[in-house]
N, C-alpha and C. Protein backbone atom coordinates (compact mmCIF):
# COMPACT_ATOMS: atom_id res chain seq x y z
N MET A 1 8.60 13.93 1.92
CA MET A 1 8.41 13.83 0.48
C MET A 1 9.53 12.99 -0.11
N ALA A 2 9.17 12.14 -1.07
CA ALA A 2 10.14 11.29 -1.73
C ALA A 2 11.09 12.12 -2.58
N LYS A 3 12.35 11.75 -2.58
CA LYS A 3 13.33 12.47 -3.38
C LYS A 3 13.36 11.98 -4.82
N SER A 4 12.89 10.75 -5.04
CA SER A 4 12.80 10.22 -6.41
C SER A 4 11.76 9.12 -6.43
N LEU A 5 11.33 8.76 -7.64
CA LEU A 5 10.31 7.73 -7.80
C LEU A 5 10.59 6.96 -9.07
N ASN A 6 10.59 5.64 -8.97
CA ASN A 6 10.74 4.76 -10.14
C ASN A 6 9.57 3.80 -10.07
N SER A 7 8.49 4.12 -10.78
CA SER A 7 7.29 3.30 -10.72
C SER A 7 6.60 3.29 -12.08
N THR A 8 6.13 2.12 -12.46
CA THR A 8 5.37 1.99 -13.70
C THR A 8 4.23 1.01 -13.47
N GLN A 9 3.18 1.15 -14.25
CA GLN A 9 2.02 0.26 -14.18
C GLN A 9 1.63 -0.12 -15.59
N ILE A 10 1.36 -1.42 -15.79
CA ILE A 10 0.88 -1.87 -17.08
C ILE A 10 -0.24 -2.89 -16.88
N ILE A 11 -1.11 -2.95 -17.87
CA ILE A 11 -2.11 -4.01 -17.97
C ILE A 11 -1.92 -4.63 -19.34
N GLY A 12 -1.73 -5.93 -19.37
CA GLY A 12 -1.52 -6.59 -20.65
C GLY A 12 -1.70 -8.09 -20.53
N ASN A 13 -1.33 -8.78 -21.60
CA ASN A 13 -1.48 -10.23 -21.67
C ASN A 13 -0.12 -10.90 -21.85
N LEU A 14 0.05 -12.06 -21.20
CA LEU A 14 1.28 -12.82 -21.33
C LEU A 14 1.39 -13.38 -22.75
N GLY A 15 2.57 -13.24 -23.34
CA GLY A 15 2.81 -13.75 -24.68
C GLY A 15 3.24 -15.20 -24.69
N ALA A 16 3.65 -15.72 -23.53
CA ALA A 16 4.09 -17.11 -23.40
C ALA A 16 3.95 -17.49 -21.93
N ASP A 17 4.04 -18.78 -21.65
CA ASP A 17 4.03 -19.21 -20.25
C ASP A 17 5.22 -18.59 -19.53
N PRO A 18 5.07 -18.26 -18.24
CA PRO A 18 6.19 -17.69 -17.49
C PRO A 18 7.36 -18.67 -17.41
N GLU A 19 8.56 -18.12 -17.34
CA GLU A 19 9.77 -18.92 -17.14
C GLU A 19 10.12 -18.85 -15.66
N MET A 20 10.34 -20.00 -15.05
CA MET A 20 10.61 -20.07 -13.62
C MET A 20 12.05 -20.50 -13.38
N SER A 21 12.67 -19.93 -12.32
CA SER A 21 14.01 -20.34 -11.91
C SER A 21 14.14 -20.06 -10.42
N GLN A 22 15.29 -20.42 -9.87
CA GLN A 22 15.56 -20.16 -8.46
C GLN A 22 16.92 -19.50 -8.32
N LEU A 23 17.00 -18.60 -7.33
CA LEU A 23 18.28 -18.00 -6.98
C LEU A 23 19.08 -19.01 -6.17
N PRO A 24 20.39 -18.81 -6.01
CA PRO A 24 21.19 -19.74 -5.21
C PRO A 24 20.67 -19.92 -3.78
N ASN A 25 20.01 -18.89 -3.24
CA ASN A 25 19.48 -19.00 -1.87
C ASN A 25 18.12 -19.70 -1.83
N GLY A 26 17.61 -20.14 -2.99
CA GLY A 26 16.35 -20.87 -3.04
C GLY A 26 15.14 -20.02 -3.37
N ASP A 27 15.29 -18.69 -3.41
CA ASP A 27 14.16 -17.82 -3.73
C ASP A 27 13.69 -18.07 -5.16
N LEU A 28 12.37 -18.11 -5.34
CA LEU A 28 11.76 -18.34 -6.64
C LEU A 28 11.79 -17.05 -7.46
N VAL A 29 12.06 -17.20 -8.76
CA VAL A 29 12.09 -16.07 -9.70
C VAL A 29 11.19 -16.42 -10.88
N ALA A 30 10.33 -15.49 -11.27
CA ALA A 30 9.48 -15.66 -12.45
C ALA A 30 9.82 -14.58 -13.46
N MET A 31 9.93 -14.96 -14.72
CA MET A 31 10.15 -14.00 -15.80
C MET A 31 9.06 -14.23 -16.83
N MET A 32 8.48 -13.12 -17.30
CA MET A 32 7.40 -13.23 -18.28
C MET A 32 7.43 -12.02 -19.20
N SER A 33 6.88 -12.21 -20.39
CA SER A 33 6.72 -11.11 -21.34
C SER A 33 5.25 -10.75 -21.41
N VAL A 34 4.96 -9.46 -21.22
CA VAL A 34 3.58 -8.97 -21.23
C VAL A 34 3.44 -7.97 -22.37
N ALA A 35 2.40 -8.16 -23.18
CA ALA A 35 2.13 -7.27 -24.31
C ALA A 35 1.07 -6.25 -23.92
N THR A 36 1.32 -5.00 -24.27
CA THR A 36 0.31 -3.95 -24.15
C THR A 36 0.04 -3.44 -25.56
N THR A 37 -1.23 -3.22 -25.87
CA THR A 37 -1.60 -2.80 -27.22
C THR A 37 -2.36 -1.49 -27.16
N GLU A 38 -1.92 -0.56 -27.98
CA GLU A 38 -2.55 0.76 -28.10
C GLU A 38 -3.23 0.82 -29.45
N LYS A 39 -4.49 1.26 -29.48
CA LYS A 39 -5.23 1.39 -30.74
C LYS A 39 -5.70 2.83 -30.89
N TRP A 40 -5.69 3.31 -32.14
CA TRP A 40 -6.15 4.66 -32.42
C TRP A 40 -6.54 4.76 -33.88
N VAL A 41 -7.23 5.84 -34.21
CA VAL A 41 -7.60 6.11 -35.59
C VAL A 41 -6.70 7.22 -36.10
N ASP A 42 -6.03 6.95 -37.22
CA ASP A 42 -5.15 7.93 -37.84
C ASP A 42 -6.03 9.07 -38.38
N LYS A 43 -5.82 10.28 -37.88
CA LYS A 43 -6.66 11.42 -38.27
C LYS A 43 -6.53 11.78 -39.75
N SER A 44 -5.37 11.56 -40.33
CA SER A 44 -5.18 11.96 -41.72
C SER A 44 -5.77 10.94 -42.70
N THR A 45 -5.77 9.64 -42.35
CA THR A 45 -6.26 8.63 -43.28
C THR A 45 -7.58 7.99 -42.84
N GLY A 46 -7.93 8.13 -41.55
CA GLY A 46 -9.14 7.50 -41.04
C GLY A 46 -8.96 6.02 -40.75
N GLU A 47 -7.75 5.50 -40.98
CA GLU A 47 -7.47 4.09 -40.74
C GLU A 47 -7.27 3.82 -39.25
N GLU A 48 -7.75 2.63 -38.85
CA GLU A 48 -7.49 2.20 -37.48
C GLU A 48 -6.05 1.69 -37.41
N ARG A 49 -5.31 2.15 -36.44
CA ARG A 49 -3.90 1.77 -36.28
C ARG A 49 -3.74 1.04 -34.95
N GLU A 50 -2.66 0.29 -34.86
CA GLU A 50 -2.40 -0.49 -33.65
C GLU A 50 -0.90 -0.61 -33.44
N ARG A 51 -0.50 -0.55 -32.17
CA ARG A 51 0.90 -0.74 -31.81
C ARG A 51 0.97 -1.62 -30.57
N THR A 52 1.77 -2.67 -30.62
CA THR A 52 1.95 -3.56 -29.48
C THR A 52 3.37 -3.42 -28.97
N ASP A 53 3.51 -3.20 -27.67
CA ASP A 53 4.82 -3.14 -27.01
C ASP A 53 4.95 -4.34 -26.09
N TRP A 54 6.15 -4.90 -26.02
CA TRP A 54 6.43 -6.05 -25.16
C TRP A 54 7.26 -5.60 -23.98
N HIS A 55 6.85 -6.04 -22.80
CA HIS A 55 7.52 -5.67 -21.55
C HIS A 55 8.03 -6.93 -20.87
N ARG A 56 9.29 -6.92 -20.49
CA ARG A 56 9.89 -8.06 -19.79
C ARG A 56 9.71 -7.82 -18.30
N ILE A 57 9.04 -8.74 -17.62
CA ILE A 57 8.72 -8.62 -16.19
C ILE A 57 9.50 -9.67 -15.42
N THR A 58 10.11 -9.26 -14.30
CA THR A 58 10.77 -10.20 -13.39
C THR A 58 10.13 -10.03 -12.02
N ALA A 59 9.81 -11.15 -11.39
CA ALA A 59 9.18 -11.13 -10.07
C ALA A 59 9.89 -12.13 -9.17
N PHE A 60 9.92 -11.82 -7.89
CA PHE A 60 10.60 -12.66 -6.91
C PHE A 60 9.64 -13.15 -5.84
N ARG A 61 10.03 -14.20 -5.17
CA ARG A 61 9.40 -14.78 -3.99
C ARG A 61 7.89 -14.92 -4.14
N GLY A 62 7.09 -14.24 -3.32
CA GLY A 62 5.63 -14.40 -3.31
C GLY A 62 4.98 -14.06 -4.63
N ASN A 63 5.45 -12.98 -5.25
CA ASN A 63 4.91 -12.63 -6.57
C ASN A 63 5.22 -13.72 -7.58
N ALA A 64 6.43 -14.28 -7.52
CA ALA A 64 6.81 -15.35 -8.44
C ALA A 64 5.95 -16.60 -8.20
N GLU A 65 5.62 -16.87 -6.96
CA GLU A 65 4.79 -18.03 -6.62
C GLU A 65 3.39 -17.89 -7.25
N VAL A 66 2.82 -16.70 -7.14
CA VAL A 66 1.50 -16.45 -7.73
C VAL A 66 1.57 -16.59 -9.25
N ILE A 67 2.60 -16.04 -9.85
CA ILE A 67 2.76 -16.15 -11.30
C ILE A 67 2.87 -17.62 -11.70
N LYS A 68 3.68 -18.37 -10.98
CA LYS A 68 3.86 -19.81 -11.26
C LYS A 68 2.53 -20.56 -11.19
N ASN A 69 1.73 -20.26 -10.19
CA ASN A 69 0.50 -21.01 -9.94
C ASN A 69 -0.69 -20.58 -10.79
N TYR A 70 -0.74 -19.33 -11.23
CA TYR A 70 -1.98 -18.83 -11.83
C TYR A 70 -1.86 -18.23 -13.23
N LEU A 71 -0.67 -17.91 -13.70
CA LEU A 71 -0.56 -17.24 -15.00
C LEU A 71 -0.03 -18.18 -16.08
N ARG A 72 -0.60 -18.07 -17.25
CA ARG A 72 -0.20 -18.83 -18.43
C ARG A 72 -0.28 -17.91 -19.65
N LYS A 73 0.20 -18.39 -20.76
CA LYS A 73 0.11 -17.63 -22.01
C LYS A 73 -1.32 -17.15 -22.21
N GLY A 74 -1.48 -15.86 -22.50
CA GLY A 74 -2.80 -15.28 -22.74
C GLY A 74 -3.44 -14.66 -21.51
N SER A 75 -2.96 -14.99 -20.30
CA SER A 75 -3.53 -14.43 -19.07
C SER A 75 -3.38 -12.91 -19.07
N GLN A 76 -4.42 -12.24 -18.59
CA GLN A 76 -4.35 -10.78 -18.45
C GLN A 76 -3.91 -10.45 -17.04
N VAL A 77 -3.01 -9.48 -16.91
CA VAL A 77 -2.43 -9.16 -15.62
C VAL A 77 -2.16 -7.67 -15.50
N PHE A 78 -2.30 -7.16 -14.29
CA PHE A 78 -1.88 -5.80 -13.93
C PHE A 78 -0.55 -5.95 -13.20
N VAL A 79 0.45 -5.18 -13.61
CA VAL A 79 1.76 -5.22 -12.95
C VAL A 79 2.15 -3.81 -12.57
N GLN A 80 2.52 -3.64 -11.32
CA GLN A 80 3.10 -2.38 -10.85
C GLN A 80 4.50 -2.71 -10.40
N GLY A 81 5.47 -1.91 -10.84
CA GLY A 81 6.84 -2.20 -10.46
C GLY A 81 7.79 -1.07 -10.79
N ALA A 82 9.07 -1.40 -10.73
CA ALA A 82 10.14 -0.43 -10.99
C ALA A 82 10.87 -0.82 -12.27
N ILE A 83 11.25 0.17 -13.04
CA ILE A 83 11.99 -0.06 -14.29
C ILE A 83 13.47 -0.26 -13.95
N ARG A 84 14.06 -1.27 -14.57
CA ARG A 84 15.49 -1.55 -14.40
C ARG A 84 16.13 -1.65 -15.78
N TYR A 85 17.35 -1.14 -15.88
CA TYR A 85 18.12 -1.20 -17.11
C TYR A 85 19.36 -2.05 -16.84
N ASP A 86 19.57 -3.06 -17.65
CA ASP A 86 20.75 -3.91 -17.54
C ASP A 86 21.63 -3.70 -18.76
N SER A 87 22.94 -3.85 -18.58
CA SER A 87 23.85 -3.82 -19.71
C SER A 87 24.92 -4.88 -19.49
N TRP A 88 25.44 -5.40 -20.61
CA TRP A 88 26.49 -6.40 -20.55
C TRP A 88 27.25 -6.37 -21.87
N GLU A 89 28.42 -6.95 -21.85
CA GLU A 89 29.22 -7.02 -23.06
C GLU A 89 29.00 -8.36 -23.72
N ASP A 90 28.62 -8.32 -25.00
CA ASP A 90 28.40 -9.54 -25.77
C ASP A 90 29.73 -10.26 -25.95
N LYS A 91 29.78 -11.54 -25.61
CA LYS A 91 31.02 -12.31 -25.66
C LYS A 91 31.53 -12.48 -27.09
N ASP A 92 30.63 -12.60 -28.06
CA ASP A 92 31.03 -12.83 -29.44
C ASP A 92 31.47 -11.55 -30.15
N SER A 93 30.64 -10.50 -30.03
CA SER A 93 30.92 -9.28 -30.79
C SER A 93 31.68 -8.22 -29.99
N GLY A 94 31.66 -8.34 -28.66
CA GLY A 94 32.30 -7.31 -27.84
C GLY A 94 31.46 -6.06 -27.67
N GLU A 95 30.27 -6.05 -28.30
CA GLU A 95 29.38 -4.90 -28.21
C GLU A 95 28.69 -4.86 -26.84
N THR A 96 28.36 -3.65 -26.39
CA THR A 96 27.57 -3.50 -25.17
C THR A 96 26.11 -3.68 -25.53
N LYS A 97 25.43 -4.58 -24.85
CA LYS A 97 24.01 -4.85 -25.07
C LYS A 97 23.23 -4.28 -23.90
N TYR A 98 21.97 -3.92 -24.17
CA TYR A 98 21.11 -3.32 -23.16
C TYR A 98 19.77 -4.02 -23.12
N ALA A 99 19.18 -4.07 -21.95
CA ALA A 99 17.83 -4.62 -21.78
C ALA A 99 17.10 -3.80 -20.74
N THR A 100 15.82 -3.62 -20.95
CA THR A 100 14.96 -2.93 -20.00
C THR A 100 13.96 -3.93 -19.47
N LYS A 101 13.73 -3.94 -18.17
CA LYS A 101 12.75 -4.83 -17.58
C LYS A 101 12.04 -4.13 -16.44
N ILE A 102 10.94 -4.73 -16.02
CA ILE A 102 10.18 -4.22 -14.88
C ILE A 102 10.31 -5.25 -13.77
N ILE A 103 10.72 -4.78 -12.59
CA ILE A 103 10.75 -5.63 -11.40
C ILE A 103 9.38 -5.46 -10.72
N ALA A 104 8.60 -6.53 -10.71
CA ALA A 104 7.22 -6.45 -10.20
C ALA A 104 7.19 -6.32 -8.69
N ASN A 105 6.45 -5.32 -8.22
CA ASN A 105 6.19 -5.14 -6.80
C ASN A 105 4.79 -5.61 -6.44
N ASN A 106 3.85 -5.39 -7.34
CA ASN A 106 2.46 -5.77 -7.13
C ASN A 106 1.93 -6.43 -8.39
N ILE A 107 1.14 -7.47 -8.19
CA ILE A 107 0.54 -8.22 -9.30
C ILE A 107 -0.94 -8.37 -8.99
N ILE A 108 -1.79 -8.09 -9.97
CA ILE A 108 -3.22 -8.37 -9.84
C ILE A 108 -3.63 -9.16 -11.08
N LEU A 109 -4.18 -10.34 -10.85
CA LEU A 109 -4.65 -11.15 -11.97
C LEU A 109 -5.97 -10.60 -12.45
N LEU A 110 -6.11 -10.44 -13.75
CA LEU A 110 -7.34 -9.90 -14.34
C LEU A 110 -7.92 -10.95 -15.28
N GLY A 111 -9.22 -10.89 -15.48
CA GLY A 111 -9.83 -11.83 -16.41
C GLY A 111 -9.73 -13.25 -15.90
N ARG A 112 -9.91 -14.18 -16.82
CA ARG A 112 -9.85 -15.60 -16.49
C ARG A 112 -8.60 -16.20 -17.11
N ASN A 113 -7.94 -17.07 -16.37
CA ASN A 113 -6.79 -17.78 -16.90
C ASN A 113 -7.28 -18.66 -18.04
N PRO A 114 -6.79 -18.46 -19.27
CA PRO A 114 -7.30 -19.23 -20.40
C PRO A 114 -7.03 -20.72 -20.30
N ASN A 115 -6.11 -21.15 -19.45
CA ASN A 115 -5.77 -22.56 -19.32
C ASN A 115 -6.31 -23.18 -18.04
N ALA A 116 -7.03 -22.38 -17.24
CA ALA A 116 -7.52 -22.89 -15.96
C ALA A 116 -8.82 -23.66 -16.17
N PRO A 117 -9.05 -24.71 -15.38
CA PRO A 117 -10.33 -25.40 -15.48
C PRO A 117 -11.45 -24.49 -15.02
N VAL A 118 -12.60 -24.60 -15.63
CA VAL A 118 -13.74 -23.78 -15.25
C VAL A 118 -14.28 -24.32 -13.93
N SER A 119 -14.18 -23.50 -12.87
CA SER A 119 -14.61 -23.97 -11.56
C SER A 119 -15.49 -22.96 -10.84
N GLY A 120 -15.65 -21.79 -11.41
CA GLY A 120 -16.42 -20.76 -10.72
C GLY A 120 -15.54 -19.93 -9.79
N ASN A 121 -14.33 -20.40 -9.52
CA ASN A 121 -13.41 -19.64 -8.68
C ASN A 121 -12.62 -18.69 -9.55
N HIS A 122 -12.39 -17.49 -9.05
CA HIS A 122 -11.60 -16.52 -9.80
C HIS A 122 -10.29 -16.32 -9.06
N PRO A 123 -9.19 -16.92 -9.53
CA PRO A 123 -7.93 -16.74 -8.84
C PRO A 123 -7.43 -15.32 -9.01
N GLU A 124 -7.56 -14.53 -7.98
CA GLU A 124 -7.12 -13.15 -8.05
C GLU A 124 -6.08 -12.91 -6.99
N ALA A 125 -5.04 -12.23 -7.36
CA ALA A 125 -4.00 -11.87 -6.40
C ALA A 125 -3.93 -10.36 -6.36
N SER A 126 -3.93 -9.81 -5.19
CA SER A 126 -3.85 -8.38 -5.05
C SER A 126 -2.56 -8.00 -4.36
N GLY A 127 -1.84 -7.10 -4.94
CA GLY A 127 -0.59 -6.65 -4.36
C GLY A 127 -0.79 -5.50 -3.41
N ALA A 128 -2.00 -5.27 -2.93
CA ALA A 128 -2.28 -4.12 -2.09
C ALA A 128 -1.64 -4.23 -0.72
N ALA A 129 -1.28 -5.43 -0.29
CA ALA A 129 -0.74 -5.61 1.06
C ALA A 129 0.78 -5.67 1.01
N GLY A 130 1.41 -4.52 1.10
CA GLY A 130 2.85 -4.47 1.26
C GLY A 130 3.64 -4.97 0.07
N GLY A 131 3.13 -4.83 -1.13
CA GLY A 131 3.88 -5.20 -2.31
C GLY A 131 3.97 -6.69 -2.55
N LYS A 132 3.06 -7.45 -2.00
CA LYS A 132 3.11 -8.89 -2.18
C LYS A 132 1.82 -9.36 -2.81
N ALA A 133 1.92 -10.10 -3.89
CA ALA A 133 0.75 -10.71 -4.48
C ALA A 133 0.33 -11.87 -3.61
N THR A 134 -0.96 -12.08 -3.46
CA THR A 134 -1.45 -13.17 -2.64
C THR A 134 -2.37 -14.04 -3.47
N PRO A 135 -2.34 -15.35 -3.23
CA PRO A 135 -3.22 -16.25 -3.97
C PRO A 135 -4.66 -16.09 -3.53
N PRO A 136 -5.61 -16.69 -4.23
CA PRO A 136 -7.01 -16.57 -3.87
C PRO A 136 -7.29 -17.16 -2.49
N ALA A 137 -8.41 -16.73 -1.92
CA ALA A 137 -8.77 -17.13 -0.56
C ALA A 137 -8.91 -18.63 -0.40
N ASN A 138 -9.29 -19.35 -1.46
CA ASN A 138 -9.49 -20.78 -1.34
C ASN A 138 -8.19 -21.57 -1.52
N ALA A 139 -7.07 -20.89 -1.78
CA ALA A 139 -5.79 -21.58 -1.93
C ALA A 139 -5.16 -21.82 -0.57
N GLU A 140 -4.42 -22.92 -0.45
CA GLU A 140 -3.74 -23.22 0.80
C GLU A 140 -2.60 -22.22 0.98
N GLN A 141 -2.55 -21.58 2.16
CA GLN A 141 -1.55 -20.57 2.41
C GLN A 141 -0.81 -20.87 3.70
N PRO A 142 0.48 -20.55 3.76
CA PRO A 142 1.21 -20.71 5.01
C PRO A 142 0.75 -19.65 6.00
N PRO A 143 0.92 -19.88 7.30
CA PRO A 143 0.54 -18.87 8.28
C PRO A 143 1.36 -17.61 8.09
N LYS A 144 0.72 -16.47 8.32
CA LYS A 144 1.40 -15.20 8.16
C LYS A 144 1.98 -14.76 9.51
N PRO A 145 3.19 -14.20 9.49
CA PRO A 145 3.76 -13.72 10.74
C PRO A 145 2.95 -12.54 11.26
N THR A 146 2.81 -12.47 12.58
CA THR A 146 2.06 -11.37 13.17
C THR A 146 2.97 -10.37 13.87
N GLU A 147 4.16 -10.78 14.20
CA GLU A 147 5.11 -9.91 14.87
C GLU A 147 6.36 -9.80 14.01
N PRO A 148 7.07 -8.64 14.06
CA PRO A 148 8.27 -8.49 13.25
C PRO A 148 9.30 -9.59 13.49
N HIS A 149 9.46 -10.04 14.75
CA HIS A 149 10.45 -11.07 15.01
C HIS A 149 10.05 -12.40 14.36
N GLN A 150 8.73 -12.66 14.23
CA GLN A 150 8.29 -13.88 13.56
C GLN A 150 8.61 -13.80 12.08
N ALA A 151 8.47 -12.61 11.49
CA ALA A 151 8.79 -12.44 10.08
C ALA A 151 10.26 -12.74 9.84
N ALA A 152 11.12 -12.24 10.73
CA ALA A 152 12.55 -12.47 10.59
C ALA A 152 12.86 -13.96 10.73
N GLU A 153 12.18 -14.64 11.65
CA GLU A 153 12.41 -16.06 11.85
C GLU A 153 12.00 -16.86 10.61
N GLN A 154 11.00 -16.40 9.89
CA GLN A 154 10.53 -17.11 8.70
C GLN A 154 11.27 -16.67 7.44
N GLY A 155 12.25 -15.78 7.61
CA GLY A 155 13.04 -15.34 6.46
C GLY A 155 12.36 -14.27 5.64
N THR A 156 11.33 -13.60 6.18
CA THR A 156 10.64 -12.54 5.47
C THR A 156 11.32 -11.22 5.79
N PRO A 157 11.86 -10.51 4.79
CA PRO A 157 12.48 -9.22 5.07
C PRO A 157 11.47 -8.25 5.68
N THR A 158 11.96 -7.39 6.54
CA THR A 158 11.08 -6.40 7.16
C THR A 158 11.61 -5.01 6.90
N VAL A 159 10.69 -4.05 6.85
CA VAL A 159 11.03 -2.64 6.74
C VAL A 159 10.26 -1.93 7.84
N ALA A 160 10.96 -1.24 8.69
CA ALA A 160 10.35 -0.52 9.81
C ALA A 160 9.40 -1.43 10.59
N GLY A 161 9.80 -2.68 10.79
CA GLY A 161 9.03 -3.59 11.61
C GLY A 161 7.86 -4.24 10.90
N LYS A 162 7.67 -3.98 9.61
CA LYS A 162 6.55 -4.59 8.87
C LYS A 162 7.10 -5.59 7.88
N ALA A 163 6.43 -6.73 7.78
CA ALA A 163 6.83 -7.72 6.79
C ALA A 163 6.53 -7.16 5.40
N THR A 164 7.52 -7.16 4.52
CA THR A 164 7.34 -6.56 3.20
C THR A 164 6.85 -7.57 2.18
N GLY A 165 7.13 -8.84 2.40
CA GLY A 165 6.73 -9.85 1.43
C GLY A 165 7.73 -10.05 0.32
N PHE A 166 8.83 -9.28 0.32
CA PHE A 166 9.85 -9.42 -0.74
C PHE A 166 10.82 -10.50 -0.41
């Protein structure tokens, strides 16, 4: 049994195109803001109410590649990941600042990319395989390692002999 769990799931829409960068070791990083909207009827007034929350998502390596290739402003996405809290001291004011973000472990593209050409293909990535989002079947993909030692040779981290995709 797990001693602790840090997991969250959201379905929402990108508020802007993803921001891409690279770590010093060359790993790709994607950052995006995803909006989730809750709607309800106020029981006391009968008015329809709405609340939108913004979630900052960070993804690495394979997940970042899928985000780079398939997500744009307005895209609907399912994200499963872990919540992270960052803090730092503001250089100007000296105040401690805080930020909350989700580190994406699994990404599933939902709906149609609003900026994609209409082709009949549905670019879907499923994070069901070891926490790694995968591009659609018709996309060019590198060969996948079949043995743990091949994963290590290709720079893919392994856990208990399985390629994790992180």
